[in-house]
């Protein structure tokens, strides 16, 4: 058998985008956090201390950051908005975004979001994954996951997999842009009095408008 005659077939699959916010974009988000609005905690799966909605004045963040990411996602994968069953074509918009404050011992269980696309931005990570997982409860484990962010998904055989982000301050300012239905989770951290601050949000179709 000639190995050159064997064809590899890899069916198309989805993924996510990773983007590092620049200083102007980070400053804008921090200002939005300073002017946070009503409590958002009752809308979340997270077992965390506080969550508050944010306001994107003039849709600056959506236009400057999120809209280009939706275009890039469409180019590298495909436009998930096109497969939403509607009677017409509608533009996308950021429906809501919010800031999460996570204290030590708190966590966000496995969940997904509503919408087409979602995103998370790590604004402040007050711990280091390596140091956290030197604790006795993780040192001899075959899955040291303290402080992790994980994506969870099934392959074409139905087997479950995780993609792990081993977090430290190096990830501050990093955004993950992903399909809203993609499951994800946040593990707790320990022995740290500072809060972990992150942003999340959802992009949906604006059915009040047509394109």
C-alpha atoms as a PDB file:
ATOM      1  CA  UNK A   1       0.000   0.000   0.000  1.00  0.00           C
ATOM      2  CA  UNK A   2       1.301   3.421  -0.983  1.00  0.00           C
ATOM      3  CA  UNK A   3       0.740   5.840   1.891  1.00  0.00           C
ATOM      4  CA  UNK A   4       0.416   8.686  -0.630  1.00  0.00           C
ATOM      5  CA  UNK A   5      -2.807   7.092  -1.864  1.00  0.00           C
ATOM      6  CA  UNK A   6      -4.419   7.399   1.572  1.00  0.00           C
ATOM      7  CA  UNK A   7      -6.548  10.506   1.920  1.00  0.00           C
ATOM      8  CA  UNK A   8      -7.075  12.176   5.287  1.00  0.00           C
ATOM      9  CA  UNK A   9     -10.630  13.472   5.793  1.00  0.00           C
ATOM     10  CA  UNK A  10     -11.096  16.153   8.451  1.00  0.00           C
ATOM     11  CA  UNK A  11     -14.687  17.430   8.674  1.00  0.00           C
ATOM     12  CA  UNK A  12     -15.128  21.161   9.323  1.00  0.00           C
ATOM     13  CA  UNK A  13     -15.467  22.162  12.951  1.00  0.00           C
ATOM     14  CA  UNK A  14     -15.881  25.323  14.972  1.00  0.00           C
ATOM     15  CA  UNK A  15     -13.484  26.957  17.405  1.00  0.00           C
ATOM     16  CA  UNK A  16     -12.982  30.299  19.145  1.00  0.00           C
ATOM     17  CA  UNK A  17     -10.887  33.423  18.782  1.00  0.00           C
ATOM     18  CA  UNK A  18      -8.311  34.781  21.213  1.00  0.00           C
ATOM     19  CA  UNK A  19      -7.570  38.507  21.204  1.00  0.00           C
ATOM     20  CA  UNK A  20      -5.457  40.786  23.401  1.00  0.00           C
ATOM     21  CA  UNK A  21      -7.049  44.171  24.066  1.00  0.00           C
ATOM     22  CA  UNK A  22      -4.819  47.200  23.505  1.00  0.00           C
ATOM     23  CA  UNK A  23      -4.358  49.928  26.129  1.00  0.00           C
ATOM     24  CA  UNK A  24      -7.115  52.155  24.705  1.00  0.00           C
ATOM     25  CA  UNK A  25      -9.610  49.307  24.719  1.00  0.00           C
ATOM     26  CA  UNK A  26      -8.615  48.281  28.256  1.00  0.00           C
ATOM     27  CA  UNK A  27      -8.983  51.864  29.524  1.00  0.00           C
ATOM     28  CA  UNK A  28     -12.456  52.032  28.020  1.00  0.00           C
ATOM     29  CA  UNK A  29     -13.555  48.785  29.670  1.00  0.00           C
ATOM     30  CA  UNK A  30     -12.186  49.870  33.053  1.00  0.00           C
ATOM     31  CA  UNK A  31     -14.194  53.112  32.757  1.00  0.00           C
ATOM     32  CA  UNK A  32     -17.294  51.063  32.007  1.00  0.00           C
ATOM     33  CA  UNK A  33     -16.595  49.016  35.130  1.00  0.00           C
ATOM     34  CA  UNK A  34     -16.272  52.177  37.214  1.00  0.00           C
ATOM     35  CA  UNK A  35     -19.741  53.191  36.007  1.00  0.00           C
ATOM     36  CA  UNK A  36     -21.328  49.751  36.363  1.00  0.00           C
ATOM     37  CA  UNK A  37     -25.114  49.559  36.547  1.00  0.00           C
ATOM     38  CA  UNK A  38     -27.668  47.255  38.206  1.00  0.00           C
ATOM     39  CA  UNK A  39     -26.986  43.903  39.803  1.00  0.00           C
ATOM     40  CA  UNK A  40     -26.826  41.089  37.234  1.00  0.00           C
ATOM     41  CA  UNK A  41     -26.185  38.174  39.577  1.00  0.00           C
ATOM     42  CA  UNK A  42     -29.675  36.609  39.355  1.00  0.00           C
ATOM     43  CA  UNK A  43     -29.168  36.091  35.608  1.00  0.00           C
ATOM     44  CA  UNK A  44     -25.999  34.009  36.011  1.00  0.00           C
ATOM     45  CA  UNK A  45     -25.046  30.445  36.870  1.00  0.00           C
ATOM     46  CA  UNK A  46     -22.020  31.695  38.789  1.00  0.00           C
ATOM     47  CA  UNK A  47     -21.605  31.068  42.497  1.00  0.00           C
ATOM     48  CA  UNK A  48     -19.840  34.397  42.918  1.00  0.00           C
ATOM     49  CA  UNK A  49     -20.080  37.497  45.090  1.00  0.00           C
ATOM     50  CA  UNK A  50     -21.103  40.155  42.588  1.00  0.00           C
ATOM     51  CA  UNK A  51     -22.037  40.781  38.976  1.00  0.00           C
ATOM     52  CA  UNK A  52     -23.169  44.079  37.418  1.00  0.00           C
ATOM     53  CA  UNK A  53     -24.323  45.153  33.958  1.00  0.00           C
ATOM     54  CA  UNK A  54     -22.241  47.590  31.918  1.00  0.00           C
ATOM     55  CA  UNK A  55     -23.153  50.289  29.418  1.00  0.00           C
ATOM     56  CA  UNK A  56     -21.409  50.560  26.046  1.00  0.00           C
ATOM     57  CA  UNK A  57     -21.965  54.238  25.254  1.00  0.00           C
ATOM     58  CA  UNK A  58     -22.497  54.814  21.547  1.00  0.00           C
ATOM     59  CA  UNK A  59     -21.756  51.114  20.933  1.00  0.00           C
ATOM     60  CA  UNK A  60     -18.042  52.002  20.970  1.00  0.00           C
ATOM     61  CA  UNK A  61     -16.821  48.623  22.221  1.00  0.00           C
ATOM     62  CA  UNK A  62     -19.150  46.687  19.949  1.00  0.00           C
ATOM     63  CA  UNK A  63     -18.104  48.658  16.856  1.00  0.00           C
ATOM     64  CA  UNK A  64     -14.391  48.818  17.672  1.00  0.00           C
ATOM     65  CA  UNK A  65     -13.746  45.326  19.048  1.00  0.00           C
ATOM     66  CA  UNK A  66     -16.679  42.937  18.732  1.00  0.00           C
ATOM     67  CA  UNK A  67     -17.833  43.686  15.195  1.00  0.00           C
ATOM     68  CA  UNK A  68     -14.375  43.001  13.688  1.00  0.00           C
ATOM     69  CA  UNK A  69     -14.262  39.743  15.662  1.00  0.00           C
ATOM     70  CA  UNK A  70     -17.613  38.620  14.231  1.00  0.00           C
ATOM     71  CA  UNK A  71     -16.206  39.277  10.750  1.00  0.00           C
ATOM     72  CA  UNK A  72     -13.021  37.349  11.518  1.00  0.00           C
ATOM     73  CA  UNK A  73     -15.023  34.463  12.951  1.00  0.00           C
ATOM     74  CA  UNK A  74     -17.111  34.299   9.783  1.00  0.00           C
ATOM     75  CA  UNK A  75     -13.968  34.233   7.656  1.00  0.00           C
ATOM     76  CA  UNK A  76     -12.185  31.532   9.659  1.00  0.00           C
ATOM     77  CA  UNK A  77     -15.224  29.369  10.474  1.00  0.00           C
ATOM     78  CA  UNK A  78     -18.631  30.601   9.317  1.00  0.00           C
ATOM     79  CA  UNK A  79     -21.274  33.147  10.302  1.00  0.00           C
ATOM     80  CA  UNK A  80     -23.350  31.517  13.028  1.00  0.00           C
ATOM     81  CA  UNK A  81     -25.980  34.234  12.615  1.00  0.00           C
ATOM     82  CA  UNK A  82     -26.849  32.876   9.188  1.00  0.00           C
ATOM     83  CA  UNK A  83     -28.134  29.604  10.621  1.00  0.00           C
ATOM     84  CA  UNK A  84     -30.551  31.210  13.111  1.00  0.00           C
ATOM     85  CA  UNK A  85     -34.100  30.392  11.911  1.00  0.00           C
ATOM     86  CA  UNK A  86     -35.707  33.754  11.173  1.00  0.00           C
ATOM     87  CA  UNK A  87     -38.011  35.085   8.463  1.00  0.00           C
ATOM     88  CA  UNK A  88     -35.423  37.641   7.348  1.00  0.00           C
ATOM     89  CA  UNK A  89     -31.833  38.748   7.670  1.00  0.00           C
ATOM     90  CA  UNK A  90     -31.049  40.867  10.710  1.00  0.00           C
ATOM     91  CA  UNK A  91     -27.924  42.670  11.954  1.00  0.00           C
ATOM     92  CA  UNK A  92     -26.110  41.515  15.058  1.00  0.00           C
ATOM     93  CA  UNK A  93     -25.788  43.539  18.256  1.00  0.00           C
ATOM     94  CA  UNK A  94     -24.425  43.219  21.773  1.00  0.00           C
ATOM     95  CA  UNK A  95     -27.517  42.717  23.897  1.00  0.00           C
ATOM     96  CA  UNK A  96     -25.836  42.891  27.292  1.00  0.00           C
ATOM     97  CA  UNK A  97     -22.427  42.712  28.935  1.00  0.00           C
ATOM     98  CA  UNK A  98     -21.464  42.558  32.585  1.00  0.00           C
ATOM     99  CA  UNK A  99     -18.590  42.490  35.051  1.00  0.00           C
ATOM    100  CA  UNK A 100     -18.029  39.576  37.433  1.00  0.00           C
ATOM    101  CA  UNK A 101     -16.262  39.786  40.805  1.00  0.00           C
ATOM    102  CA  UNK A 102     -15.070  36.390  42.005  1.00  0.00           C
ATOM    103  CA  UNK A 103     -13.623  35.932  45.469  1.00  0.00           C
ATOM    104  CA  UNK A 104     -11.555  32.997  46.724  1.00  0.00           C
ATOM    105  CA  UNK A 105     -13.511  29.718  47.036  1.00  0.00           C
ATOM    106  CA  UNK A 106     -16.151  30.922  44.558  1.00  0.00           C
ATOM    107  CA  UNK A 107     -16.705  29.363  41.132  1.00  0.00           C
ATOM    108  CA  UNK A 108     -18.738  29.387  37.936  1.00  0.00           C
ATOM    109  CA  UNK A 109     -20.189  25.935  37.146  1.00  0.00           C
ATOM    110  CA  UNK A 110     -20.442  24.393  33.698  1.00  0.00           C
ATOM    111  CA  UNK A 111     -22.804  26.536  31.608  1.00  0.00           C
ATOM    112  CA  UNK A 112     -23.334  28.226  28.270  1.00  0.00           C
ATOM    113  CA  UNK A 113     -24.903  31.489  27.129  1.00  0.00           C
ATOM    114  CA  UNK A 114     -27.833  32.609  25.031  1.00  0.00           C
ATOM    115  CA  UNK A 115     -27.215  34.289  21.697  1.00  0.00           C
ATOM    116  CA  UNK A 116     -24.956  33.721  18.701  1.00  0.00           C
ATOM    117  CA  UNK A 117     -21.537  34.672  20.071  1.00  0.00           C
ATOM    118  CA  UNK A 118     -20.293  35.315  23.586  1.00  0.00           C
ATOM    119  CA  UNK A 119     -17.037  36.590  25.018  1.00  0.00           C
ATOM    120  CA  UNK A 120     -15.029  36.740  28.206  1.00  0.00           C
ATOM    121  CA  UNK A 121     -12.304  39.263  29.071  1.00  0.00           C
ATOM    122  CA  UNK A 122      -9.948  38.751  31.986  1.00  0.00           C
ATOM    123  CA  UNK A 123      -9.376  42.159  33.531  1.00  0.00           C
ATOM    124  CA  UNK A 124      -7.644  41.150  36.781  1.00  0.00           C
ATOM    125  CA  UNK A 125      -6.258  37.748  37.777  1.00  0.00           C
ATOM    126  CA  UNK A 126      -4.766  38.053  41.285  1.00  0.00           C
ATOM    127  CA  UNK A 127      -3.282  34.555  41.414  1.00  0.00           C
ATOM    128  CA  UNK A 128      -0.872  32.341  39.496  1.00  0.00           C
ATOM    129  CA  UNK A 129      -2.014  28.932  38.283  1.00  0.00           C
ATOM    130  CA  UNK A 130       1.299  27.235  39.085  1.00  0.00           C
ATOM    131  CA  UNK A 131       1.390  28.466  42.688  1.00  0.00           C
ATOM    132  CA  UNK A 132      -2.273  27.668  43.250  1.00  0.00           C
ATOM    133  CA  UNK A 133      -1.799  24.090  42.105  1.00  0.00           C
ATOM    134  CA  UNK A 134       1.096  23.489  44.476  1.00  0.00           C
ATOM    135  CA  UNK A 135      -1.471  23.266  47.268  1.00  0.00           C
ATOM    136  CA  UNK A 136      -1.968  19.878  48.920  1.00  0.00           C
ATOM    137  CA  UNK A 137      -5.392  19.287  47.356  1.00  0.00           C
ATOM    138  CA  UNK A 138      -3.929  19.549  43.831  1.00  0.00           C
ATOM    139  CA  UNK A 139      -0.291  18.472  44.145  1.00  0.00           C
ATOM    140  CA  UNK A 140      -0.893  14.745  43.604  1.00  0.00           C
ATOM    141  CA  UNK A 141      -3.957  15.073  41.394  1.00  0.00           C
ATOM    142  CA  UNK A 142      -3.970  14.000  37.742  1.00  0.00           C
ATOM    143  CA  UNK A 143      -6.205  17.016  37.018  1.00  0.00           C
ATOM    144  CA  UNK A 144      -4.822  20.063  38.877  1.00  0.00           C
ATOM    145  CA  UNK A 145      -7.449  22.650  37.919  1.00  0.00           C
ATOM    146  CA  UNK A 146      -7.390  25.304  40.646  1.00  0.00           C
ATOM    147  CA  UNK A 147      -8.095  28.725  39.116  1.00  0.00           C
ATOM    148  CA  UNK A 148      -8.658  27.346  35.602  1.00  0.00           C
ATOM    149  CA  UNK A 149     -11.010  28.447  32.834  1.00  0.00           C
ATOM    150  CA  UNK A 150     -12.110  25.492  30.696  1.00  0.00           C
ATOM    151  CA  UNK A 151     -14.017  25.057  27.448  1.00  0.00           C
ATOM    152  CA  UNK A 152     -15.891  21.740  27.326  1.00  0.00           C
ATOM    153  CA  UNK A 153     -17.009  20.077  24.100  1.00  0.00           C
ATOM    154  CA  UNK A 154     -17.687  16.704  22.452  1.00  0.00           C
ATOM    155  CA  UNK A 155     -15.810  15.257  19.482  1.00  0.00           C
ATOM    156  CA  UNK A 156     -17.410  13.456  16.527  1.00  0.00           C
ATOM    157  CA  UNK A 157     -17.453  10.215  18.528  1.00  0.00           C
ATOM    158  CA  UNK A 158     -19.359  11.866  21.368  1.00  0.00           C
ATOM    159  CA  UNK A 159     -16.405  11.851  23.759  1.00  0.00           C
ATOM    160  CA  UNK A 160     -16.091  14.844  26.059  1.00  0.00           C
ATOM    161  CA  UNK A 161     -12.959  17.006  26.022  1.00  0.00           C
ATOM    162  CA  UNK A 162     -11.750  20.155  27.735  1.00  0.00           C
ATOM    163  CA  UNK A 163      -9.462  22.940  26.580  1.00  0.00           C
ATOM    164  CA  UNK A 164      -7.789  24.473  29.607  1.00  0.00           C
ATOM    165  CA  UNK A 165      -6.583  28.038  30.202  1.00  0.00           C
ATOM    166  CA  UNK A 166      -3.988  28.063  32.972  1.00  0.00           C
ATOM    167  CA  UNK A 167      -4.525  31.557  34.295  1.00  0.00           C
ATOM    168  CA  UNK A 168      -2.156  34.108  35.766  1.00  0.00           C
ATOM    169  CA  UNK A 169      -1.729  37.878  35.459  1.00  0.00           C
ATOM    170  CA  UNK A 170      -0.252  37.299  31.982  1.00  0.00           C
ATOM    171  CA  UNK A 171      -3.805  36.746  30.725  1.00  0.00           C
ATOM    172  CA  UNK A 172      -5.062  40.137  31.897  1.00  0.00           C
ATOM    173  CA  UNK A 173      -6.560  41.913  28.880  1.00  0.00           C
ATOM    174  CA  UNK A 174      -7.106  38.670  26.958  1.00  0.00           C
ATOM    175  CA  UNK A 175     -10.499  38.113  25.344  1.00  0.00           C
ATOM    176  CA  UNK A 176     -11.982  34.808  24.217  1.00  0.00           C
ATOM    177  CA  UNK A 177     -14.689  35.106  21.546  1.00  0.00           C
ATOM    178  CA  UNK A 178     -16.746  31.932  21.098  1.00  0.00           C
ATOM    179  CA  UNK A 179     -20.117  30.448  20.083  1.00  0.00           C
ATOM    180  CA  UNK A 180     -22.653  31.140  22.836  1.00  0.00           C
ATOM    181  CA  UNK A 181     -23.654  27.484  23.125  1.00  0.00           C
ATOM    182  CA  UNK A 182     -20.083  26.363  23.872  1.00  0.00           C
ATOM    183  CA  UNK A 183     -19.961  25.061  27.457  1.00  0.00           C
ATOM    184  CA  UNK A 184     -17.382  26.566  29.793  1.00  0.00           C
ATOM    185  CA  UNK A 185     -16.563  26.703  33.509  1.00  0.00           C
ATOM    186  CA  UNK A 186     -14.410  28.574  36.026  1.00  0.00           C
ATOM    187  CA  UNK A 187     -12.718  26.812  38.918  1.00  0.00           C
ATOM    188  CA  UNK A 188     -12.170  28.427  42.341  1.00  0.00           C
ATOM    189  CA  UNK A 189      -8.893  29.780  43.664  1.00  0.00           C
ATOM    190  CA  UNK A 190      -7.738  29.857  47.284  1.00  0.00           C
ATOM    191  CA  UNK A 191      -5.801  31.838  49.907  1.00  0.00           C
ATOM    192  CA  UNK A 192      -6.010  35.129  48.006  1.00  0.00           C
ATOM    193  CA  UNK A 193      -7.926  38.133  49.358  1.00  0.00           C
ATOM    194  CA  UNK A 194      -8.057  39.978  46.032  1.00  0.00           C
ATOM    195  CA  UNK A 195     -10.961  39.597  43.630  1.00  0.00           C
ATOM    196  CA  UNK A 196     -10.758  38.087  40.163  1.00  0.00           C
ATOM    197  CA  UNK A 197     -12.428  40.541  37.769  1.00  0.00           C
ATOM    198  CA  UNK A 198     -13.746  39.456  34.394  1.00  0.00           C
ATOM    199  CA  UNK A 199     -16.163  40.668  31.727  1.00  0.00           C
ATOM    200  CA  UNK A 200     -18.727  38.608  29.833  1.00  0.00           C
ATOM    201  CA  UNK A 201     -21.282  39.461  27.175  1.00  0.00           C
ATOM    202  CA  UNK A 202     -23.547  38.124  24.451  1.00  0.00           C
ATOM    203  CA  UNK A 203     -24.144  39.005  20.811  1.00  0.00           C
ATOM    204  CA  UNK A 204     -27.564  38.308  19.312  1.00  0.00           C
ATOM    205  CA  UNK A 205     -29.618  39.151  16.239  1.00  0.00           C
ATOM    206  CA  UNK A 206     -31.454  42.480  16.393  1.00  0.00           C
ATOM    207  CA  UNK A 207     -34.793  41.312  14.972  1.00  0.00           C
ATOM    208  CA  UNK A 208     -36.171  44.861  15.137  1.00  0.00           C
ATOM    209  CA  UNK A 209     -33.957  45.701  12.153  1.00  0.00           C
ATOM    210  CA  UNK A 210     -33.276  44.158   8.747  1.00  0.00           C
ATOM    211  CA  UNK A 211     -30.155  44.145   6.651  1.00  0.00           C
END
